[in-house]
Structures are given as structure tokens and as C-alpha cells.
Amino acid sequence: MTLDFPNSSRSFDEVRNAVRFIGHDGMFEVRFFIEADALAGTGARTGRTEVTEAACLAAFDRARSSIYEVARKLYSRGRQTNYVITVGDLP
């Protein structure tokens, strides 16, 4: 099976300081998080040092297709309970 993202919902997880999104491999749900620092490189910075929730979600939406590609690549390396995308994972 391949990893798909049929549900475009995403949310900000304050504890992890990351955006959470879900992929599906057949009937299996696969959890992903992309760190706020990784999103800062895609335009989430607001001119201050911190990255806001709204800015993270907007940056995720702008870079959604490339984030999904990175998620697929991480998933193809082996199955885990959840995956965390860091700034080092992004092109």
C-alpha cells in the first residue's frame, strides 16, 4: 500500500511545538508531526524570534505537497508509531 493524505486537517500541538497531521496506509492511520522550527524555514516566522500557531499552520498549508513528500520518504524507511519531521528532513 502507499501512504495517502485523504484528510487535509492539521492541528497545532503546543506540547510538541509542532503541527500534527495524519496519513493513511490502507486502513492504518499514520501520525506525523512537523516541528515549528522546520516550518519556520518555510515562512512561518513573523519577524520575531518565536513562531506562532497561526503562522505554523499557514506555513504548513503553503508547503503541504512538499511536506507530504517528505512524510512519504520517512514512512518508506520503516514503520513507526509516529514520525517527526525536522528541519534536517526538508529539502
PDB file of N, CA and C in Angstrom:
ATOM      1  N   MET A   1       0.843  -1.195   0.000  1.00  0.00           N
ATOM      2  CA  MET A   1       0.000   0.000   0.000  1.00  0.00           C
ATOM      3  C   MET A   1       0.885   1.254   0.000  1.00  0.00           C
ATOM      4  N   THR A   2       0.291   2.343  -0.398  1.00  0.00           N
ATOM      5  CA  THR A   2       1.012   3.608  -0.388  1.00  0.00           C
ATOM      6  C   THR A   2       0.405   4.538   0.643  1.00  0.00           C
ATOM      7  N   LEU A   3       1.179   5.479   1.054  1.00  0.00           N
ATOM      8  CA  LEU A   3       0.739   6.450   2.038  1.00  0.00           C
ATOM      9  C   LEU A   3      -0.021   7.566   1.347  1.00  0.00           C
ATOM     10  N   ASP A   4      -1.239   7.806   1.796  1.00  0.00           N
ATOM     11  CA  ASP A   4      -2.082   8.875   1.261  1.00  0.00           C
ATOM     12  C   ASP A   4      -2.465   9.836   2.373  1.00  0.00           C
ATOM     13  N   PHE A   5      -2.916  10.991   1.976  1.00  0.00           N
ATOM     14  CA  PHE A   5      -3.365  12.021   2.910  1.00  0.00           C
ATOM     15  C   PHE A   5      -4.746  12.504   2.480  1.00  0.00           C
ATOM     16  N   PRO A   6      -5.766  11.645   2.655  1.00  0.00           N
ATOM     17  CA  PRO A   6      -7.102  11.998   2.180  1.00  0.00           C
ATOM     18  C   PRO A   6      -7.788  13.084   3.005  1.00  0.00           C
ATOM     19  N   ASN A   7      -7.340  13.273   4.229  1.00  0.00           N
ATOM     20  CA  ASN A   7      -7.933  14.275   5.102  1.00  0.00           C
ATOM     21  C   ASN A   7      -6.940  15.423   5.230  1.00  0.00           C
ATOM     22  N   SER A   8      -7.325  16.605   4.825  1.00  0.00           N
ATOM     23  CA  SER A   8      -6.396  17.738   4.828  1.00  0.00           C
ATOM     24  C   SER A   8      -6.312  18.451   6.174  1.00  0.00           C
ATOM     25  N   SER A   9      -6.958  17.909   7.204  1.00  0.00           N
ATOM     26  CA  SER A   9      -6.919  18.579   8.502  1.00  0.00           C
ATOM     27  C   SER A   9      -5.531  18.489   9.118  1.00  0.00           C
ATOM     28  N   ARG A  10      -5.207  19.479   9.890  1.00  0.00           N
ATOM     29  CA  ARG A  10      -3.963  19.548  10.644  1.00  0.00           C
ATOM     30  C   ARG A  10      -4.237  20.378  11.868  1.00  0.00           C
ATOM     31  N   SER A  11      -3.434  20.218  12.909  1.00  0.00           N
ATOM     32  CA  SER A  11      -3.624  20.995  14.128  1.00  0.00           C
ATOM     33  C   SER A  11      -2.269  21.279  14.748  1.00  0.00           C
ATOM     34  N   PHE A  12      -2.256  22.298  15.593  1.00  0.00           N
ATOM     35  CA  PHE A  12      -1.017  22.663  16.266  1.00  0.00           C
ATOM     36  C   PHE A  12      -0.975  21.981  17.617  1.00  0.00           C
ATOM     37  N   ASP A  13       0.096  21.294  17.906  1.00  0.00           N
ATOM     38  CA  ASP A  13       0.302  20.611  19.181  1.00  0.00           C
ATOM     39  C   ASP A  13       1.267  21.457  20.008  1.00  0.00           C
ATOM     40  N   GLU A  14       0.727  22.139  21.022  1.00  0.00           N
ATOM     41  CA  GLU A  14       1.548  23.046  21.827  1.00  0.00           C
ATOM     42  C   GLU A  14       2.630  22.312  22.607  1.00  0.00           C
ATOM     43  N   VAL A  15       2.319  21.121  23.082  1.00  0.00           N
ATOM     44  CA  VAL A  15       3.286  20.356  23.869  1.00  0.00           C
ATOM     45  C   VAL A  15       4.512  20.008  23.029  1.00  0.00           C
ATOM     46  N   ARG A  16       4.285  19.570  21.826  1.00  0.00           N
ATOM     47  CA  ARG A  16       5.387  19.200  20.927  1.00  0.00           C
ATOM     48  C   ARG A  16       5.932  20.393  20.147  1.00  0.00           C
ATOM     49  N   ASN A  17       5.218  21.511  20.156  1.00  0.00           N
ATOM     50  CA  ASN A  17       5.563  22.682  19.358  1.00  0.00           C
ATOM     51  C   ASN A  17       5.717  22.271  17.891  1.00  0.00           C
ATOM     52  N   ALA A  18       4.643  21.638  17.409  1.00  0.00           N
ATOM     53  CA  ALA A  18       4.661  21.078  16.061  1.00  0.00           C
ATOM     54  C   ALA A  18       3.242  21.015  15.504  1.00  0.00           C
ATOM     55  N   VAL A  19       3.160  20.914  14.197  1.00  0.00           N
ATOM     56  CA  VAL A  19       1.874  20.703  13.534  1.00  0.00           C
ATOM     57  C   VAL A  19       1.689  19.201  13.371  1.00  0.00           C
ATOM     58  N   ARG A  20       0.510  18.735  13.761  1.00  0.00           N
ATOM     59  CA  ARG A  20       0.164  17.318  13.679  1.00  0.00           C
ATOM     60  C   ARG A  20      -0.730  17.104  12.459  1.00  0.00           C
ATOM     61  N   PHE A  21      -0.431  16.026  11.703  1.00  0.00           N
ATOM     62  CA  PHE A  21      -1.290  15.657  10.586  1.00  0.00           C
ATOM     63  C   PHE A  21      -1.277  14.142  10.448  1.00  0.00           C
ATOM     64  N   ILE A  22      -2.237  13.618   9.726  1.00  0.00           N
ATOM     65  CA  ILE A  22      -2.451  12.183   9.648  1.00  0.00           C
ATOM     66  C   ILE A  22      -2.350  11.712   8.196  1.00  0.00           C
ATOM     67  N   GLY A  23      -1.695  10.581   8.023  1.00  0.00           N
ATOM     68  CA  GLY A  23      -1.673   9.897   6.747  1.00  0.00           C
ATOM     69  C   GLY A  23      -2.356   8.553   6.899  1.00  0.00           C
ATOM     70  N   HIS A  24      -2.660   7.915   5.797  1.00  0.00           N
ATOM     71  CA  HIS A  24      -3.297   6.596   5.821  1.00  0.00           C
ATOM     72  C   HIS A  24      -2.588   5.655   4.859  1.00  0.00           C
ATOM     73  N   ASP A  25      -2.312   4.466   5.356  1.00  0.00           N
ATOM     74  CA  ASP A  25      -1.782   3.378   4.551  1.00  0.00           C
ATOM     75  C   ASP A  25      -2.832   2.280   4.613  1.00  0.00           C
ATOM     76  N   GLY A  26      -3.692   2.264   3.609  1.00  0.00           N
ATOM     77  CA  GLY A  26      -4.837   1.357   3.667  1.00  0.00           C
ATOM     78  C   GLY A  26      -5.715   1.735   4.838  1.00  0.00           C
ATOM     79  N   MET A  27      -5.940   0.787   5.738  1.00  0.00           N
ATOM     80  CA  MET A  27      -6.788   1.071   6.892  1.00  0.00           C
ATOM     81  C   MET A  27      -5.997   1.569   8.098  1.00  0.00           C
ATOM     82  N   PHE A  28      -4.667   1.683   7.963  1.00  0.00           N
ATOM     83  CA  PHE A  28      -3.833   2.116   9.078  1.00  0.00           C
ATOM     84  C   PHE A  28      -3.647   3.624   9.077  1.00  0.00           C
ATOM     85  N   GLU A  29      -3.846   4.219  10.243  1.00  0.00           N
ATOM     86  CA  GLU A  29      -3.631   5.645  10.437  1.00  0.00           C
ATOM     87  C   GLU A  29      -2.187   5.866  10.858  1.00  0.00           C
ATOM     88  N   VAL A  30      -1.522   6.826  10.226  1.00  0.00           N
ATOM     89  CA  VAL A  30      -0.117   7.109  10.499  1.00  0.00           C
ATOM     90  C   VAL A  30      -0.007   8.564  10.951  1.00  0.00           C
ATOM     91  N   ARG A  31       0.524   8.770  12.172  1.00  0.00           N
ATOM     92  CA  ARG A  31       0.632  10.121  12.726  1.00  0.00           C
ATOM     93  C   ARG A  31       1.969  10.758  12.377  1.00  0.00           C
ATOM     94  N   PHE A  32       1.891  12.019  12.008  1.00  0.00           N
ATOM     95  CA  PHE A  32       3.080  12.800  11.692  1.00  0.00           C
ATOM     96  C   PHE A  32       3.047  14.109  12.469  1.00  0.00           C
ATOM     97  N   PHE A  33       4.239  14.589  12.805  1.00  0.00           N
ATOM     98  CA  PHE A  33       4.415  15.906  13.390  1.00  0.00           C
ATOM     99  C   PHE A  33       5.516  16.590  12.605  1.00  0.00           C
ATOM    100  N   ILE A  34       5.337  17.865  12.315  1.00  0.00           N
ATOM    101  CA  ILE A  34       6.423  18.652  11.734  1.00  0.00           C
ATOM    102  C   ILE A  34       6.726  19.772  12.714  1.00  0.00           C
ATOM    103  N   GLU A  35       7.971  19.826  13.153  1.00  0.00           N
ATOM    104  CA  GLU A  35       8.377  20.786  14.172  1.00  0.00           C
ATOM    105  C   GLU A  35       8.210  22.224  13.688  1.00  0.00           C
ATOM    106  N   ALA A  36       7.903  23.099  14.627  1.00  0.00           N
ATOM    107  CA  ALA A  36       7.730  24.518  14.308  1.00  0.00           C
ATOM    108  C   ALA A  36       9.006  25.099  13.702  1.00  0.00           C
ATOM    109  N   ASP A  37      10.162  24.662  14.191  1.00  0.00           N
ATOM    110  CA  ASP A  37      11.422  25.162  13.628  1.00  0.00           C
ATOM    111  C   ASP A  37      11.575  24.795  12.155  1.00  0.00           C
ATOM    112  N   ALA A  38      11.091  23.618  11.785  1.00  0.00           N
ATOM    113  CA  ALA A  38      11.136  23.217  10.377  1.00  0.00           C
ATOM    114  C   ALA A  38      10.206  24.095   9.546  1.00  0.00           C
ATOM    115  N   LEU A  39       9.048  24.409  10.103  1.00  0.00           N
ATOM    116  CA  LEU A  39       8.103  25.272   9.385  1.00  0.00           C
ATOM    117  C   LEU A  39       8.603  26.706   9.313  1.00  0.00           C
ATOM    118  N   ALA A  40       9.410  27.114  10.270  1.00  0.00           N
ATOM    119  CA  ALA A  40       9.953  28.477  10.251  1.00  0.00           C
ATOM    120  C   ALA A  40      10.752  28.703   8.980  1.00  0.00           C
ATOM    121  N   GLY A  41      11.432  27.661   8.516  1.00  0.00           N
ATOM    122  CA  GLY A  41      12.197  27.760   7.276  1.00  0.00           C
ATOM    123  C   GLY A  41      11.309  27.861   6.050  1.00  0.00           C
ATOM    124  N   THR A  42      10.017  27.505   6.193  1.00  0.00           N
ATOM    125  CA  THR A  42       9.096  27.595   5.057  1.00  0.00           C
ATOM    126  C   THR A  42       8.242  28.855   5.129  1.00  0.00           C
ATOM    127  N   GLY A  43       8.607  29.785   6.018  1.00  0.00           N
ATOM    128  CA  GLY A  43       7.898  31.065   6.046  1.00  0.00           C
ATOM    129  C   GLY A  43       7.002  31.277   7.239  1.00  0.00           C
ATOM    130  N   ALA A  44       7.188  30.545   8.329  1.00  0.00           N
ATOM    131  CA  ALA A  44       6.323  30.707   9.500  1.00  0.00           C
ATOM    132  C   ALA A  44       6.789  31.821  10.435  1.00  0.00           C
ATOM    133  N   ARG A  45       7.975  32.328  10.240  1.00  0.00           N
ATOM    134  CA  ARG A  45       8.456  33.387  11.138  1.00  0.00           C
ATOM    135  C   ARG A  45       7.664  34.666  10.904  1.00  0.00           C
ATOM    136  N   THR A  46       7.374  35.336  11.991  1.00  0.00           N
ATOM    137  CA  THR A  46       6.569  36.552  11.902  1.00  0.00           C
ATOM    138  C   THR A  46       7.417  37.800  12.096  1.00  0.00           C
ATOM    139  N   GLY A  47       8.730  37.659  12.027  1.00  0.00           N
ATOM    140  CA  GLY A  47       9.609  38.796  12.239  1.00  0.00           C
ATOM    141  C   GLY A  47      10.136  38.824  13.658  1.00  0.00           C
ATOM    142  N   ARG A  48       9.515  38.065  14.542  1.00  0.00           N
ATOM    143  CA  ARG A  48      10.006  37.930  15.909  1.00  0.00           C
ATOM    144  C   ARG A  48      10.744  36.598  15.990  1.00  0.00           C
ATOM    145  N   THR A  49      11.279  36.281  17.155  1.00  0.00           N
ATOM    146  CA  THR A  49      12.038  35.037  17.278  1.00  0.00           C
ATOM    147  C   THR A  49      11.138  33.822  17.403  1.00  0.00           C
ATOM    148  N   GLU A  50       9.942  33.967  17.957  1.00  0.00           N
ATOM    149  CA  GLU A  50       9.065  32.805  18.103  1.00  0.00           C
ATOM    150  C   GLU A  50       8.216  32.593  16.851  1.00  0.00           C
ATOM    151  N   VAL A  51       7.711  31.409  16.740  1.00  0.00           N
ATOM    152  CA  VAL A  51       6.846  31.045  15.634  1.00  0.00           C
ATOM    153  C   VAL A  51       5.448  30.840  16.217  1.00  0.00           C
ATOM    154  N   THR A  52       4.469  31.526  15.694  1.00  0.00           N
ATOM    155  CA  THR A  52       3.117  31.438  16.244  1.00  0.00           C
ATOM    156  C   THR A  52       2.363  30.249  15.658  1.00  0.00           C
ATOM    157  N   GLU A  53       1.317  29.840  16.370  1.00  0.00           N
ATOM    158  CA  GLU A  53       0.464  28.750  15.892  1.00  0.00           C
ATOM    159  C   GLU A  53      -0.121  29.067  14.521  1.00  0.00           C
ATOM    160  N   ALA A  54      -0.676  30.252  14.382  1.00  0.00           N
ATOM    161  CA  ALA A  54      -1.290  30.635  13.101  1.00  0.00           C
ATOM    162  C   ALA A  54      -0.257  30.640  11.974  1.00  0.00           C
ATOM    163  N   ALA A  55       0.945  31.131  12.273  1.00  0.00           N
ATOM    164  CA  ALA A  55       1.993  31.161  11.254  1.00  0.00           C
ATOM    165  C   ALA A  55       2.427  29.749  10.875  1.00  0.00           C
ATOM    166  N   CYS A  56       2.493  28.841  11.861  1.00  0.00           N
ATOM    167  CA  CYS A  56       2.857  27.447  11.571  1.00  0.00           C
ATOM    168  C   CYS A  56       1.823  26.784  10.684  1.00  0.00           C
ATOM    169  N   LEU A  57       0.560  26.979  11.005  1.00  0.00           N
ATOM    170  CA  LEU A  57      -0.500  26.363  10.210  1.00  0.00           C
ATOM    171  C   LEU A  57      -0.515  26.924   8.789  1.00  0.00           C
ATOM    172  N   ALA A  58      -0.301  28.228   8.671  1.00  0.00           N
ATOM    173  CA  ALA A  58      -0.263  28.837   7.337  1.00  0.00           C
ATOM    174  C   ALA A  58       0.938  28.332   6.536  1.00  0.00           C
ATOM    175  N   ALA A  59       2.098  28.206   7.190  1.00  0.00           N
ATOM    176  CA  ALA A  59       3.287  27.697   6.516  1.00  0.00           C
ATOM    177  C   ALA A  59       3.081  26.241   6.096  1.00  0.00           C
ATOM    178  N   PHE A  60       2.429  25.462   6.945  1.00  0.00           N
ATOM    179  CA  PHE A  60       2.127  24.071   6.592  1.00  0.00           C
ATOM    180  C   PHE A  60       1.261  24.040   5.340  1.00  0.00           C
ATOM    181  N   ASP A  61       0.232  24.859   5.313  1.00  0.00           N
ATOM    182  CA  ASP A  61      -0.668  24.877   4.153  1.00  0.00           C
ATOM    183  C   ASP A  61       0.065  25.264   2.870  1.00  0.00           C
ATOM    184  N   ARG A  62       0.990  26.215   2.960  1.00  0.00           N
ATOM    185  CA  ARG A  62       1.737  26.645   1.772  1.00  0.00           C
ATOM    186  C   ARG A  62       2.679  25.549   1.264  1.00  0.00           C
ATOM    187  N   ALA A  63       3.226  24.770   2.191  1.00  0.00           N
ATOM    188  CA  ALA A  63       4.230  23.769   1.814  1.00  0.00           C
ATOM    189  C   ALA A  63       3.682  22.340   1.881  1.00  0.00           C
ATOM    190  N   ARG A  64       2.378  22.211   1.916  1.00  0.00           N
ATOM    191  CA  ARG A  64       1.722  20.907   2.127  1.00  0.00           C
ATOM    192  C   ARG A  64       2.258  19.808   1.197  1.00  0.00           C
ATOM    193  N   SER A  65       2.340  20.056  -0.085  1.00  0.00           N
ATOM    194  CA  SER A  65       2.744  18.988  -1.006  1.00  0.00           C
ATOM    195  C   SER A  65       4.178  18.530  -0.748  1.00  0.00           C
ATOM    196  N   SER A  66       5.087  19.452  -0.479  1.00  0.00           N
ATOM    197  CA  SER A  66       6.470  19.035  -0.196  1.00  0.00           C
ATOM    198  C   SER A  66       6.574  18.359   1.164  1.00  0.00           C
ATOM    199  N   ILE A  67       5.763  18.775   2.131  1.00  0.00           N
ATOM    200  CA  ILE A  67       5.741  18.117   3.443  1.00  0.00           C
ATOM    201  C   ILE A  67       5.237  16.688   3.285  1.00  0.00           C
ATOM    202  N   TYR A  68       4.210  16.492   2.483  1.00  0.00           N
ATOM    203  CA  TYR A  68       3.695  15.144   2.240  1.00  0.00           C
ATOM    204  C   TYR A  68       4.758  14.257   1.587  1.00  0.00           C
ATOM    205  N   GLU A  69       5.534  14.805   0.673  1.00  0.00           N
ATOM    206  CA  GLU A  69       6.598  14.027   0.034  1.00  0.00           C
ATOM    207  C   GLU A  69       7.655  13.607   1.050  1.00  0.00           C
ATOM    208  N   VAL A  70       8.026  14.506   1.943  1.00  0.00           N
ATOM    209  CA  VAL A  70       8.985  14.167   2.995  1.00  0.00           C
ATOM    210  C   VAL A  70       8.393  13.101   3.912  1.00  0.00           C
ATOM    211  N   ALA A  71       7.116  13.235   4.235  1.00  0.00           N
ATOM    212  CA  ALA A  71       6.447  12.248   5.087  1.00  0.00           C
ATOM    213  C   ALA A  71       6.462  10.869   4.415  1.00  0.00           C
ATOM    214  N   ARG A  72       6.190  10.826   3.147  1.00  0.00           N
ATOM    215  CA  ARG A  72       6.222   9.543   2.414  1.00  0.00           C
ATOM    216  C   ARG A  72       7.625   8.920   2.451  1.00  0.00           C
ATOM    217  N   LYS A  73       8.639   9.770   2.292  1.00  0.00           N
ATOM    218  CA  LYS A  73      10.007   9.277   2.317  1.00  0.00           C
ATOM    219  C   LYS A  73      10.356   8.704   3.694  1.00  0.00           C
ATOM    220  N   LEU A  74       9.999   9.412   4.757  1.00  0.00           N
ATOM    221  CA  LEU A  74      10.250   8.906   6.109  1.00  0.00           C
ATOM    222  C   LEU A  74       9.510   7.601   6.347  1.00  0.00           C
ATOM    223  N   TYR A  75       8.274   7.537   5.907  1.00  0.00           N
ATOM    224  CA  TYR A  75       7.456   6.348   6.105  1.00  0.00           C
ATOM    225  C   TYR A  75       8.033   5.148   5.357  1.00  0.00           C
ATOM    226  N   SER A  76       8.599   5.390   4.201  1.00  0.00           N
ATOM    227  CA  SER A  76       9.146   4.291   3.391  1.00  0.00           C
ATOM    228  C   SER A  76      10.383   3.664   4.020  1.00  0.00           C
ATOM    229  N   ARG A  77      11.010   4.358   4.965  1.00  0.00           N
ATOM    230  CA  ARG A  77      12.219   3.843   5.617  1.00  0.00           C
ATOM    231  C   ARG A  77      11.905   2.824   6.710  1.00  0.00           C
ATOM    232  N   GLY A  78      10.660   2.730   7.095  1.00  0.00           N
ATOM    233  CA  GLY A  78      10.286   1.777   8.134  1.00  0.00           C
ATOM    234  C   GLY A  78       9.116   2.302   8.941  1.00  0.00           C
ATOM    235  N   ARG A  79       8.305   1.396   9.394  1.00  0.00           N
ATOM    236  CA  ARG A  79       7.090   1.790  10.115  1.00  0.00           C
ATOM    237  C   ARG A  79       7.380   2.078  11.578  1.00  0.00           C
ATOM    238  N   GLN A  80       6.796   3.166  12.039  1.00  0.00           N
ATOM    239  CA  GLN A  80       6.921   3.607  13.431  1.00  0.00           C
ATOM    240  C   GLN A  80       5.546   4.001  13.942  1.00  0.00           C
ATOM    241  N   THR A  81       5.464   4.260  15.244  1.00  0.00           N
ATOM    242  CA  THR A  81       4.204   4.705  15.832  1.00  0.00           C
ATOM    243  C   THR A  81       3.833   6.093  15.331  1.00  0.00           C
ATOM    244  N   ASN A  82       4.807   6.983  15.303  1.00  0.00           N
ATOM    245  CA  ASN A  82       4.613   8.303  14.721  1.00  0.00           C
ATOM    246  C   ASN A  82       5.944   8.788  14.170  1.00  0.00           C
ATOM    247  N   TYR A  83       5.865   9.806  13.362  1.00  0.00           N
ATOM    248  CA  TYR A  83       7.045  10.342  12.693  1.00  0.00           C
ATOM    249  C   TYR A  83       7.144  11.830  12.988  1.00  0.00           C
ATOM    250  N   VAL A  84       8.378  12.285  13.188  1.00  0.00           N
ATOM    251  CA  VAL A  84       8.619  13.702  13.432  1.00  0.00           C
ATOM    252  C   VAL A  84       9.509  14.235  12.306  1.00  0.00           C
ATOM    253  N   ILE A  85       8.986  15.228  11.613  1.00  0.00           N
ATOM    254  CA  ILE A  85       9.753  15.873  10.541  1.00  0.00           C
ATOM    255  C   ILE A  85      10.482  17.057  11.146  1.00  0.00           C
ATOM    256  N   THR A  86      11.795  17.073  10.958  1.00  0.00           N
ATOM    257  CA  THR A  86      12.618  18.149  11.495  1.00  0.00           C
ATOM    258  C   THR A  86      13.150  19.004  10.348  1.00  0.00           C
ATOM    259  N   VAL A  87      13.811  20.068  10.690  1.00  0.00           N
ATOM    260  CA  VAL A  87      14.368  20.953   9.668  1.00  0.00           C
ATOM    261  C   VAL A  87      15.372  20.191   8.789  1.00  0.00           C
ATOM    262  N   GLY A  88      16.071  19.216   9.344  1.00  0.00           N
ATOM    263  CA  GLY A  88      17.033  18.429   8.586  1.00  0.00           C
ATOM    264  C   GLY A  88      16.406  17.509   7.559  1.00  0.00           C
ATOM    265  N   ASP A  89      15.119  17.234   7.693  1.00  0.00           N
ATOM    266  CA  ASP A  89      14.415  16.354   6.748  1.00  0.00           C
ATOM    267  C   ASP A  89      13.939  17.087   5.506  1.00  0.00           C
ATOM    268  N   LEU A  90      13.864  18.404   5.581  1.00  0.00           N
ATOM    269  CA  LEU A  90      13.311  19.190   4.476  1.00  0.00           C
ATOM    270  C   LEU A  90      14.382  19.483   3.430  1.00  0.00           C
ATOM    271  N   PRO A  91      13.964  19.571   2.178  1.00  0.00           N
ATOM    272  CA  PRO A  91      14.933  19.871   1.100  1.00  0.00           C
ATOM    273  C   PRO A  91      15.435  21.301   1.164  1.00  0.00           C
TER     274      PRO A  91
END
